[in-house]
């Protein structure tokens, strides 16, 4: 996890844009994970317990993050994540932790881009 943290810190400092990181802290795989932002969807696929997946997002205008996925019983879930950013005007990351099909933590480190 330290190497992953260092990687995301370097990426955050050197890259414009927003990255969404989804971590599954639950005991079961979450399936068909899709990150939704205004005007665009980003499929992440399945995320195993204890694993995470990331994607760079580029919404159309003002946005927040929403997630959709299925649990191990094939029940669909849709979660709204408290965040705010704009297409080319922000950079940083939104780290989302899911456990038992619910949001357990959201770390939003997005800031307005200075360049």
C-alpha atoms as a PDB file:
ATOM      1  CA  UNK A   1       0.000   0.000   0.000  1.00  0.00           C
ATOM      2  CA  UNK A   2       2.936   2.371   0.589  1.00  0.00           C
ATOM      3  CA  UNK A   3       4.066   2.072  -3.021  1.00  0.00           C
ATOM      4  CA  UNK A   4       0.519   2.684  -4.244  1.00  0.00           C
ATOM      5  CA  UNK A   5       0.258   5.735  -1.986  1.00  0.00           C
ATOM      6  CA  UNK A   6       3.551   7.137  -3.313  1.00  0.00           C
ATOM      7  CA  UNK A   7       2.396   6.504  -6.898  1.00  0.00           C
ATOM      8  CA  UNK A   8      -0.883   8.403  -6.370  1.00  0.00           C
ATOM      9  CA  UNK A   9       0.909  11.288  -4.638  1.00  0.00           C
ATOM     10  CA  UNK A  10       3.301  11.715  -7.572  1.00  0.00           C
ATOM     11  CA  UNK A  11       0.424  11.438 -10.026  1.00  0.00           C
ATOM     12  CA  UNK A  12      -1.568  14.017  -8.054  1.00  0.00           C
ATOM     13  CA  UNK A  13       1.297  16.517  -8.023  1.00  0.00           C
ATOM     14  CA  UNK A  14       2.269  16.160 -11.683  1.00  0.00           C
ATOM     15  CA  UNK A  15      -1.023  15.581 -13.496  1.00  0.00           C
ATOM     16  CA  UNK A  16      -4.068  17.710 -14.123  1.00  0.00           C
ATOM     17  CA  UNK A  17      -7.381  15.918 -13.893  1.00  0.00           C
ATOM     18  CA  UNK A  18      -9.292  13.912 -11.322  1.00  0.00           C
ATOM     19  CA  UNK A  19      -8.725  10.264 -10.467  1.00  0.00           C
ATOM     20  CA  UNK A  20     -11.310   8.112  -8.748  1.00  0.00           C
ATOM     21  CA  UNK A  21     -10.019   5.211  -6.647  1.00  0.00           C
ATOM     22  CA  UNK A  22     -12.488   2.564  -5.475  1.00  0.00           C
ATOM     23  CA  UNK A  23     -11.412   0.189  -2.696  1.00  0.00           C
ATOM     24  CA  UNK A  24     -13.394  -2.902  -1.697  1.00  0.00           C
ATOM     25  CA  UNK A  25     -12.961  -3.524   2.038  1.00  0.00           C
ATOM     26  CA  UNK A  26     -15.828  -6.003   2.135  1.00  0.00           C
ATOM     27  CA  UNK A  27     -15.575  -9.785   2.390  1.00  0.00           C
ATOM     28  CA  UNK A  28     -17.035 -10.410  -1.093  1.00  0.00           C
ATOM     29  CA  UNK A  29     -16.196  -9.301  -4.624  1.00  0.00           C
ATOM     30  CA  UNK A  30     -18.160  -6.361  -6.012  1.00  0.00           C
ATOM     31  CA  UNK A  31     -19.038  -6.859  -9.662  1.00  0.00           C
ATOM     32  CA  UNK A  32     -19.506  -4.669 -12.669  1.00  0.00           C
ATOM     33  CA  UNK A  33     -18.335  -1.511 -10.918  1.00  0.00           C
ATOM     34  CA  UNK A  34     -19.007   1.651 -12.924  1.00  0.00           C
ATOM     35  CA  UNK A  35     -17.900   5.161 -11.988  1.00  0.00           C
ATOM     36  CA  UNK A  36     -20.391   7.795 -13.165  1.00  0.00           C
ATOM     37  CA  UNK A  37     -19.625  11.494 -13.613  1.00  0.00           C
ATOM     38  CA  UNK A  38     -21.654  14.094 -15.471  1.00  0.00           C
ATOM     39  CA  UNK A  39     -21.931  12.932 -19.070  1.00  0.00           C
ATOM     40  CA  UNK A  40     -19.601   9.934 -18.824  1.00  0.00           C
ATOM     41  CA  UNK A  41     -19.384   6.417 -17.395  1.00  0.00           C
ATOM     42  CA  UNK A  42     -16.184   4.498 -16.625  1.00  0.00           C
ATOM     43  CA  UNK A  43     -16.457   0.696 -16.208  1.00  0.00           C
ATOM     44  CA  UNK A  44     -13.949  -0.730 -13.717  1.00  0.00           C
ATOM     45  CA  UNK A  45     -15.135  -4.339 -13.777  1.00  0.00           C
ATOM     46  CA  UNK A  46     -14.960  -6.555 -10.702  1.00  0.00           C
ATOM     47  CA  UNK A  47     -13.048  -5.611  -7.551  1.00  0.00           C
ATOM     48  CA  UNK A  48     -11.949  -8.399  -5.197  1.00  0.00           C
ATOM     49  CA  UNK A  49     -11.928  -8.031  -1.402  1.00  0.00           C
ATOM     50  CA  UNK A  50      -9.006  -5.902  -0.227  1.00  0.00           C
ATOM     51  CA  UNK A  51      -8.266  -4.634  -3.731  1.00  0.00           C
ATOM     52  CA  UNK A  52      -8.731  -1.269  -5.383  1.00  0.00           C
ATOM     53  CA  UNK A  53      -9.108   0.061  -8.893  1.00  0.00           C
ATOM     54  CA  UNK A  54      -8.585   3.565 -10.275  1.00  0.00           C
ATOM     55  CA  UNK A  55      -9.619   5.593 -13.288  1.00  0.00           C
ATOM     56  CA  UNK A  56      -9.008   9.112 -14.534  1.00  0.00           C
ATOM     57  CA  UNK A  57     -12.321  10.868 -15.139  1.00  0.00           C
ATOM     58  CA  UNK A  58     -13.286  13.833 -17.279  1.00  0.00           C
ATOM     59  CA  UNK A  59     -16.860  14.983 -16.722  1.00  0.00           C
ATOM     60  CA  UNK A  60     -18.759  17.336 -18.967  1.00  0.00           C
ATOM     61  CA  UNK A  61     -19.008  20.435 -16.774  1.00  0.00           C
ATOM     62  CA  UNK A  62     -19.649  20.404 -13.023  1.00  0.00           C
ATOM     63  CA  UNK A  63     -19.831  16.956 -11.460  1.00  0.00           C
ATOM     64  CA  UNK A  64     -19.719  14.639  -8.496  1.00  0.00           C
ATOM     65  CA  UNK A  65     -19.092  10.870  -8.407  1.00  0.00           C
ATOM     66  CA  UNK A  66     -21.663   8.084  -8.378  1.00  0.00           C
ATOM     67  CA  UNK A  67     -20.967   4.348  -8.321  1.00  0.00           C
ATOM     68  CA  UNK A  68     -23.025   1.420  -9.474  1.00  0.00           C
ATOM     69  CA  UNK A  69     -22.216  -2.259  -8.952  1.00  0.00           C
ATOM     70  CA  UNK A  70     -23.705  -5.652  -8.129  1.00  0.00           C
ATOM     71  CA  UNK A  71     -23.025  -7.602  -4.962  1.00  0.00           C
ATOM     72  CA  UNK A  72     -22.346 -11.338  -4.748  1.00  0.00           C
ATOM     73  CA  UNK A  73     -26.120 -11.995  -4.814  1.00  0.00           C
ATOM     74  CA  UNK A  74     -26.444 -10.016  -8.082  1.00  0.00           C
ATOM     75  CA  UNK A  75     -28.348  -7.223  -6.330  1.00  0.00           C
ATOM     76  CA  UNK A  76     -27.686  -3.827  -7.872  1.00  0.00           C
ATOM     77  CA  UNK A  77     -26.429  -0.886  -5.804  1.00  0.00           C
ATOM     78  CA  UNK A  78     -26.118   2.803  -6.656  1.00  0.00           C
ATOM     79  CA  UNK A  79     -24.129   5.091  -4.361  1.00  0.00           C
ATOM     80  CA  UNK A  80     -23.807   8.877  -4.506  1.00  0.00           C
ATOM     81  CA  UNK A  81     -20.408  10.120  -3.358  1.00  0.00           C
ATOM     82  CA  UNK A  82     -20.063  13.570  -1.805  1.00  0.00           C
ATOM     83  CA  UNK A  83     -17.553  15.328  -4.021  1.00  0.00           C
ATOM     84  CA  UNK A  84     -17.337  18.269  -6.407  1.00  0.00           C
ATOM     85  CA  UNK A  85     -15.097  19.041  -9.370  1.00  0.00           C
ATOM     86  CA  UNK A  86     -15.220  20.417 -12.885  1.00  0.00           C
ATOM     87  CA  UNK A  87     -13.951  19.065 -16.181  1.00  0.00           C
ATOM     88  CA  UNK A  88     -10.613  20.801 -16.820  1.00  0.00           C
ATOM     89  CA  UNK A  89     -10.600  23.059 -13.787  1.00  0.00           C
ATOM     90  CA  UNK A  90      -9.730  20.554 -11.025  1.00  0.00           C
ATOM     91  CA  UNK A  91      -7.068  18.007 -10.207  1.00  0.00           C
ATOM     92  CA  UNK A  92      -6.622  15.458  -7.453  1.00  0.00           C
ATOM     93  CA  UNK A  93      -8.298  12.266  -6.377  1.00  0.00           C
ATOM     94  CA  UNK A  94     -11.472  10.964  -4.819  1.00  0.00           C
ATOM     95  CA  UNK A  95     -10.770   7.814  -2.783  1.00  0.00           C
ATOM     96  CA  UNK A  96     -13.852   5.718  -2.069  1.00  0.00           C
ATOM     97  CA  UNK A  97     -14.008   2.757   0.300  1.00  0.00           C
ATOM     98  CA  UNK A  98     -16.898   0.298   0.053  1.00  0.00           C
ATOM     99  CA  UNK A  99     -17.709  -2.338   2.656  1.00  0.00           C
ATOM    100  CA  UNK A 100     -20.847  -4.465   2.810  1.00  0.00           C
ATOM    101  CA  UNK A 101     -22.264  -2.598  -0.217  1.00  0.00           C
ATOM    102  CA  UNK A 102     -22.089   0.803   1.534  1.00  0.00           C
ATOM    103  CA  UNK A 103     -19.726   3.757   1.521  1.00  0.00           C
ATOM    104  CA  UNK A 104     -17.536   3.590   4.609  1.00  0.00           C
ATOM    105  CA  UNK A 105     -15.058   6.334   3.712  1.00  0.00           C
ATOM    106  CA  UNK A 106     -14.599   9.079   1.134  1.00  0.00           C
ATOM    107  CA  UNK A 107     -11.419  11.134   0.897  1.00  0.00           C
ATOM    108  CA  UNK A 108     -11.820  13.998  -1.587  1.00  0.00           C
ATOM    109  CA  UNK A 109      -8.534  15.781  -2.260  1.00  0.00           C
ATOM    110  CA  UNK A 110      -9.622  17.562  -5.433  1.00  0.00           C
ATOM    111  CA  UNK A 111      -8.546  21.187  -5.772  1.00  0.00           C
ATOM    112  CA  UNK A 112      -8.851  23.830  -8.478  1.00  0.00           C
ATOM    113  CA  UNK A 113      -6.009  23.435 -10.981  1.00  0.00           C
ATOM    114  CA  UNK A 114      -3.547  26.287 -11.042  1.00  0.00           C
ATOM    115  CA  UNK A 115      -2.343  25.634 -14.589  1.00  0.00           C
END
